[in-house]
């Protein structure tokens, strides 16, 4: 992000219902220069969760600190950003994209999400960028351990 903020969005997908669940988020304010803090924030939520990214240098720094980085970055081209944003919108309209009610930071940022010159904003909404990157890399999600509170196992994906 231009302002130094780094965002993380943790998701799980129910492959049977093709539904994405956003279950955790975090903002690392002005921490783009301190990968130790961001890597610890990612790792404390599970080292096995694959991490999508859009900045190769930053990803290498996180990988050195034990984060499970995906092999390739997100495309982050304007045409791809529009396609992914449209997919998120379609999932929301059909009830296949759900955000935990506790995540007020995500909901507030989504409410202020706007298009600049009819284009998807790239740097002004870090949680929305993280969400967009996670949806783009959703194919990398994989099933983690079973959760005791549910009989289903949901593949997880995180983005920074």
Protein backbone atom coordinates (compact mmCIF):
# COMPACT_ATOMS: atom_id res chain seq x y z
CA UNK A 1 0.00 0.00 0.00
CA UNK A 2 1.17 3.52 -0.71
CA UNK A 3 0.58 4.70 2.84
CA UNK A 4 2.54 1.81 4.39
CA UNK A 5 -0.49 -0.13 5.60
CA UNK A 6 -0.51 -3.88 5.07
CA UNK A 7 -3.77 -5.80 5.39
CA UNK A 8 -4.48 -9.45 6.04
CA UNK A 9 -7.77 -11.19 5.25
CA UNK A 10 -8.31 -14.81 6.28
CA UNK A 11 -10.87 -16.81 4.35
CA UNK A 12 -12.26 -20.31 4.25
CA UNK A 13 -14.19 -21.83 1.37
CA UNK A 14 -16.95 -24.38 1.61
CA UNK A 15 -16.42 -26.23 -1.69
CA UNK A 16 -19.79 -28.00 -1.49
CA UNK A 17 -21.71 -24.70 -1.38
CA UNK A 18 -19.04 -22.72 -3.26
CA UNK A 19 -19.23 -20.16 -0.46
CA UNK A 20 -16.34 -18.03 0.76
CA UNK A 21 -16.28 -17.08 4.45
CA UNK A 22 -14.13 -14.15 5.61
CA UNK A 23 -13.42 -15.04 9.23
CA UNK A 24 -10.53 -12.77 10.29
CA UNK A 25 -8.75 -9.59 9.25
CA UNK A 26 -5.97 -7.41 10.51
CA UNK A 27 -4.29 -4.15 9.60
CA UNK A 28 -0.61 -3.57 10.07
CA UNK A 29 -0.45 0.25 10.12
CA UNK A 30 2.70 1.73 8.59
CA UNK A 31 4.40 -1.66 8.83
CA UNK A 32 5.42 -2.16 5.22
CA UNK A 33 9.02 -1.59 6.31
CA UNK A 34 8.86 -4.07 9.21
CA UNK A 35 8.22 -7.58 7.86
CA UNK A 36 8.86 -9.19 11.26
CA UNK A 37 5.63 -7.76 12.70
CA UNK A 38 3.58 -8.71 9.65
CA UNK A 39 5.07 -12.22 9.43
CA UNK A 40 4.34 -12.84 13.11
CA UNK A 41 0.76 -11.66 12.59
CA UNK A 42 0.35 -14.07 9.69
CA UNK A 43 2.07 -17.01 11.37
CA UNK A 44 0.12 -16.76 14.62
CA UNK A 45 -3.04 -17.63 12.66
CA UNK A 46 -1.50 -20.81 11.22
CA UNK A 47 1.73 -21.45 9.37
CA UNK A 48 0.12 -23.96 7.02
CA UNK A 49 -2.32 -21.43 5.53
CA UNK A 50 -1.13 -20.40 2.04
CA UNK A 51 -0.48 -16.67 1.71
CA UNK A 52 -1.29 -14.75 -1.48
CA UNK A 53 0.57 -11.51 -2.21
CA UNK A 54 1.21 -8.88 -4.84
CA UNK A 55 4.73 -7.70 -3.94
CA UNK A 56 7.53 -10.23 -4.56
CA UNK A 57 10.13 -8.48 -2.37
CA UNK A 58 7.75 -8.29 0.56
CA UNK A 59 6.76 -11.94 0.02
CA UNK A 60 10.40 -13.05 0.14
CA UNK A 61 10.85 -11.24 3.45
CA UNK A 62 7.77 -12.98 4.89
CA UNK A 63 8.86 -16.36 3.54
CA UNK A 64 12.23 -15.98 5.30
CA UNK A 65 10.23 -15.61 8.51
CA UNK A 66 8.27 -18.82 7.97
CA UNK A 67 5.15 -17.69 6.11
CA UNK A 68 3.71 -20.15 3.60
CA UNK A 69 3.85 -17.88 0.54
CA UNK A 70 2.28 -18.97 -2.75
CA UNK A 71 4.76 -19.50 -5.60
CA UNK A 72 3.42 -16.67 -7.78
CA UNK A 73 2.07 -13.19 -7.01
CA UNK A 74 -1.39 -11.91 -7.85
CA UNK A 75 -1.64 -10.28 -11.26
CA UNK A 76 -2.92 -6.90 -10.03
CA UNK A 77 -3.54 -5.63 -13.56
CA UNK A 78 -6.53 -3.30 -13.98
CA UNK A 79 -8.41 -5.80 -16.16
CA UNK A 80 -7.84 -8.63 -13.63
CA UNK A 81 -8.81 -6.36 -10.73
CA UNK A 82 -12.16 -5.63 -12.41
CA UNK A 83 -12.86 -9.31 -13.07
CA UNK A 84 -12.09 -10.31 -9.47
CA UNK A 85 -14.09 -7.39 -8.03
CA UNK A 86 -17.03 -8.45 -10.20
CA UNK A 87 -16.70 -12.02 -8.89
CA UNK A 88 -16.79 -10.79 -5.28
CA UNK A 89 -19.85 -8.68 -6.06
CA UNK A 90 -21.61 -11.62 -7.73
CA UNK A 91 -20.78 -13.89 -4.79
CA UNK A 92 -22.18 -11.30 -2.36
CA UNK A 93 -25.41 -10.93 -4.34
CA UNK A 94 -25.92 -14.70 -4.43
CA UNK A 95 -25.04 -15.29 -0.77
CA UNK A 96 -21.79 -17.12 -1.62
CA UNK A 97 -19.54 -14.55 0.08
CA UNK A 98 -20.01 -14.06 3.79
CA UNK A 99 -18.17 -11.87 6.26
CA UNK A 100 -18.15 -12.63 9.98
CA UNK A 101 -20.29 -10.11 11.86
CA UNK A 102 -17.37 -9.26 14.19
CA UNK A 103 -15.31 -7.86 11.32
CA UNK A 104 -16.46 -4.25 11.51
CA UNK A 105 -13.18 -2.97 10.03
CA UNK A 106 -13.82 -4.97 6.83
CA UNK A 107 -17.46 -3.87 6.66
CA UNK A 108 -16.58 -0.19 7.20
CA UNK A 109 -13.92 -0.28 4.50
CA UNK A 110 -16.32 -2.05 2.12
CA UNK A 111 -18.96 0.62 2.76
CA UNK A 112 -16.46 3.32 1.73
CA UNK A 113 -15.13 1.37 -1.25
CA UNK A 114 -15.61 3.43 -4.37
CA UNK A 115 -14.35 3.48 -7.92
CA UNK A 116 -11.92 6.15 -9.06
CA UNK A 117 -12.53 7.19 -12.67
CA UNK A 118 -14.63 4.01 -13.12
CA UNK A 119 -11.64 1.85 -12.11
CA UNK A 120 -11.15 -0.41 -9.10
CA UNK A 121 -9.06 1.51 -6.52
CA UNK A 122 -5.69 -0.17 -6.03
CA UNK A 123 -4.07 1.49 -3.02
CA UNK A 124 -6.73 3.28 -1.00
CA UNK A 125 -8.53 0.29 0.55
CA UNK A 126 -6.04 -2.29 1.89
CA UNK A 127 -8.61 -4.78 3.20
CA UNK A 128 -10.49 -4.70 -0.11
CA UNK A 129 -7.21 -5.22 -2.00
CA UNK A 130 -6.38 -8.15 0.28
CA UNK A 131 -9.85 -9.61 -0.29
CA UNK A 132 -9.50 -9.20 -4.05
CA UNK A 133 -6.09 -10.92 -4.02
CA UNK A 134 -7.41 -13.80 -1.93
CA UNK A 135 -10.32 -14.39 -4.30
CA UNK A 136 -7.94 -14.27 -7.27
CA UNK A 137 -5.80 -17.01 -5.67
CA UNK A 138 -8.70 -19.06 -4.28
CA UNK A 139 -7.64 -22.08 -6.35
CA UNK A 140 -4.70 -22.48 -3.93
CA UNK A 141 -6.95 -22.98 -0.92
CA UNK A 142 -6.63 -26.41 0.66
CA UNK A 143 -8.34 -28.30 3.43
CA UNK A 144 -6.78 -27.81 6.88
CA UNK A 145 -7.35 -29.92 10.00
CA UNK A 146 -10.94 -30.66 11.00
CA UNK A 147 -12.59 -28.16 13.29
CA UNK A 148 -14.32 -29.50 16.38
CA UNK A 149 -17.18 -26.99 16.04
CA UNK A 150 -18.04 -28.22 12.54
CA UNK A 151 -18.06 -31.52 10.72
CA UNK A 152 -16.91 -29.79 7.53
CA UNK A 153 -13.35 -28.86 6.75
CA UNK A 154 -12.91 -25.62 4.87
CA UNK A 155 -9.89 -24.80 2.77
CA UNK A 156 -8.28 -21.58 3.94
CA UNK A 157 -6.43 -18.76 2.25
CA UNK A 158 -4.87 -15.56 3.54
CA UNK A 159 -3.69 -12.49 1.69
CA UNK A 160 -1.37 -9.68 2.63
